[in-house]
Protein backbone atom coordinates (compact mmCIF):
# COMPACT_ATOMS: atom_id res chain seq x y z
CA MET A 1 0.00 0.00 0.00
CA ALA A 2 2.81 2.44 0.84
CA PHE A 3 4.46 2.05 -2.57
CA GLY A 4 1.13 2.51 -4.35
CA LEU A 5 0.51 5.66 -2.31
CA LEU A 6 3.97 6.97 -3.21
CA LEU A 7 3.14 6.48 -6.90
CA LYS A 8 -0.09 8.41 -6.45
CA PHE A 9 1.77 11.30 -4.79
CA ILE A 10 4.15 11.41 -7.76
CA VAL A 11 1.07 11.64 -10.00
CA VAL A 12 -0.23 14.53 -7.86
CA ALA A 13 3.08 16.36 -8.39
CA ILE A 14 2.82 15.87 -12.16
CA LEU A 15 -0.79 17.05 -12.05
CA MET A 16 0.23 20.26 -10.28
CA TYR A 17 2.45 21.02 -13.28
CA ILE A 18 -0.38 20.05 -15.65
CA ALA A 19 -2.78 22.35 -13.78
CA ILE A 20 -0.47 25.34 -14.24
CA VAL A 21 0.18 24.64 -17.93
CA ASP A 22 -3.46 23.86 -18.72
CA TYR A 23 -4.72 26.96 -16.94
CA GLY A 24 -2.29 29.19 -18.81
CA HIS A 25 -2.21 27.57 -22.26
CA ARG A 26 -5.29 25.30 -22.42
CA MET A 27 -3.21 22.23 -23.28
CA ILE A 28 -1.96 19.19 -21.44
CA PRO A 29 1.55 18.15 -22.50
CA ASP A 30 1.75 14.64 -23.93
CA LYS A 31 4.96 14.01 -21.97
CA CYS A 32 2.97 14.39 -18.74
CA ASN A 33 0.31 11.95 -19.92
CA VAL A 34 3.05 9.48 -20.89
CA ALA A 35 4.72 9.91 -17.48
CA ILE A 36 1.43 9.20 -15.69
CA ALA A 37 0.76 6.20 -17.94
CA CYS A 38 4.26 4.86 -17.12
CA ILE A 39 3.52 5.28 -13.42
CA GLY A 40 0.30 3.38 -14.09
CA VAL A 41 2.27 0.51 -15.66
CA VAL A 42 4.58 0.43 -12.64
CA ASN A 43 1.47 0.38 -10.45
CA ILE A 44 0.06 -2.55 -12.42
CA VAL A 45 3.33 -4.47 -12.06
CA TYR A 46 3.32 -3.74 -8.33
CA ASP A 47 -0.35 -4.66 -7.88
CA TYR A 48 -0.45 -7.42 -10.52
CA ARG A 49 -3.46 -9.23 -9.01
CA ASP A 50 -5.73 -6.37 -10.10
CA VAL A 51 -4.29 -5.96 -13.61
CA VAL A 52 -7.68 -6.50 -15.26
CA THR A 53 -9.31 -3.86 -13.07
CA TYR A 54 -6.69 -1.27 -13.96
CA LEU A 55 -6.78 -2.02 -17.68
CA VAL A 56 -10.59 -2.08 -17.88
CA SER A 57 -10.82 1.16 -15.86
CA ALA A 58 -8.33 2.91 -18.14
CA LEU A 59 -9.99 1.67 -21.30
CA ALA A 60 -13.52 2.43 -20.09
CA VAL A 61 -12.76 6.01 -19.05
CA PHE A 62 -10.72 6.64 -22.22
CA VAL A 63 -13.50 5.37 -24.50
CA PHE A 64 -16.18 7.21 -22.51
CA PHE A 65 -14.43 10.57 -22.88
CA LEU A 66 -13.53 9.89 -26.51
CA ILE A 67 -17.18 9.26 -27.34
CA LEU A 68 -18.19 12.32 -25.30
CA ALA A 69 -15.67 14.46 -27.22
CA MET A 70 -17.06 13.22 -30.54
CA LEU A 71 -20.66 13.85 -29.45
CA THR A 72 -19.88 17.35 -28.19
CA ASP A 73 -17.75 18.25 -31.21
CA GLY A 74 -14.55 18.74 -29.25
CA GLY A 75 -16.10 19.80 -25.95
CA ILE A 76 -13.39 17.76 -24.27
CA GLY A 77 -9.81 18.09 -25.40
CA GLY A 78 -7.59 15.23 -26.50
CA GLY A 79 -5.19 15.89 -23.64
CA ASP A 80 -8.03 15.45 -21.14
CA ILE A 81 -9.05 12.18 -22.77
CA LYS A 82 -5.50 10.81 -22.62
CA LEU A 83 -5.06 12.07 -19.07
CA PHE A 84 -8.14 10.29 -17.77
CA GLY A 85 -7.06 7.08 -19.54
CA ALA A 86 -3.63 7.28 -17.91
CA LEU A 87 -5.20 7.99 -14.53
CA GLY A 88 -7.32 4.86 -14.96
CA LEU A 89 -4.08 2.85 -14.98
CA VAL A 90 -3.07 4.45 -11.69
CA PHE A 91 -6.39 4.45 -9.83
CA GLY A 92 -8.28 1.47 -11.22
CA GLU A 93 -11.88 1.44 -10.09
CA ASP A 94 -11.22 4.49 -7.89
CA ILE A 95 -11.15 6.54 -11.11
CA ILE A 96 -14.90 6.90 -10.56
CA LEU A 97 -14.25 8.86 -7.36
CA VAL A 98 -11.55 10.92 -9.08
CA LEU A 99 -14.10 11.83 -11.76
CA PHE A 100 -16.70 12.67 -9.14
CA PHE A 101 -14.37 15.00 -7.20
CA THR A 102 -13.06 16.54 -10.44
CA TYR A 103 -16.44 17.35 -11.92
CA ALA A 104 -17.99 18.39 -8.59
CA ALA A 105 -15.25 21.01 -8.23
CA ALA A 106 -15.56 22.10 -11.86
CA MET A 107 -19.31 22.43 -11.52
CA ALA A 108 -19.08 24.42 -8.26
CA ILE A 109 -16.52 26.86 -9.67
CA SER A 110 -18.48 27.18 -12.93
CA VAL A 111 -21.71 27.97 -11.08
CA ILE A 112 -19.90 30.59 -9.00
CA GLY A 113 -18.42 32.03 -12.21
CA LEU A 114 -21.87 32.20 -13.78
CA LEU A 115 -23.41 33.82 -10.72
CA PHE A 116 -20.73 36.51 -10.59
CA LYS A 117 -20.83 36.93 -14.37
CA ARG A 118 -17.20 35.85 -14.82
CA LEU A 119 -18.33 33.00 -17.10
CA ARG A 120 -21.04 32.52 -19.69
CA PHE A 121 -22.81 29.29 -20.54
CA SER A 122 -20.71 29.10 -23.68
CA SER A 123 -17.44 29.51 -21.75
CA SER A 124 -14.95 26.70 -21.56
CA VAL A 125 -12.73 26.00 -18.58
CA ALA A 126 -9.36 24.29 -18.35
CA MET A 127 -9.92 20.90 -16.72
CA GLY A 128 -6.30 20.36 -15.60
CA PRO A 129 -6.66 22.24 -12.31
CA PHE A 130 -9.87 20.39 -11.50
CA VAL A 131 -8.32 17.02 -12.33
CA ALA A 132 -5.40 17.86 -10.03
CA PHE A 133 -7.87 18.74 -7.29
CA GLY A 134 -9.93 15.58 -7.83
CA VAL A 135 -6.86 13.34 -7.70
CA LEU A 136 -5.52 15.10 -4.60
CA VAL A 137 -8.86 14.65 -2.81
CA GLN A 138 -8.92 10.97 -3.76
CA VAL A 139 -5.34 10.41 -2.55
CA VAL A 140 -6.21 12.06 0.78
CA ASN A 141 -9.35 9.93 0.83
CA LEU A 142 -7.23 6.77 0.40
CA ILE A 143 -5.00 7.81 3.31
CA PHE A 144 -7.77 8.43 5.81
CA ILE A 145 -10.37 5.86 4.77
């Protein structure tokens, strides 16, 4: 468990960098997605009994967001799609909680932005900072629960 937690903290550090870049430039560097995917592979090797769970989680979340991007005509960026797929390799079935925390934060901030007229319904937001938040909350959740 300690090694798996260490891997997740490394992912949090990478996500802090992603959050800064995505907020400023609206792009998630592929090298960061590859780094997280590599950490996911190390995690799978470490926790080899759950290899199917990790692979299915990564594939399911990747395909889900890919289909969503196609249906919304690019409403979700390719970097976000790859990022969630890589995170599936790291978190397995807990990716559901990461998604919940990520989108709950994004929704709350978006509603506040709408109420204070900082955002419009047609506005887009960088997801990197929210993903970093969602992963951090889930890692803290794993420590205390």
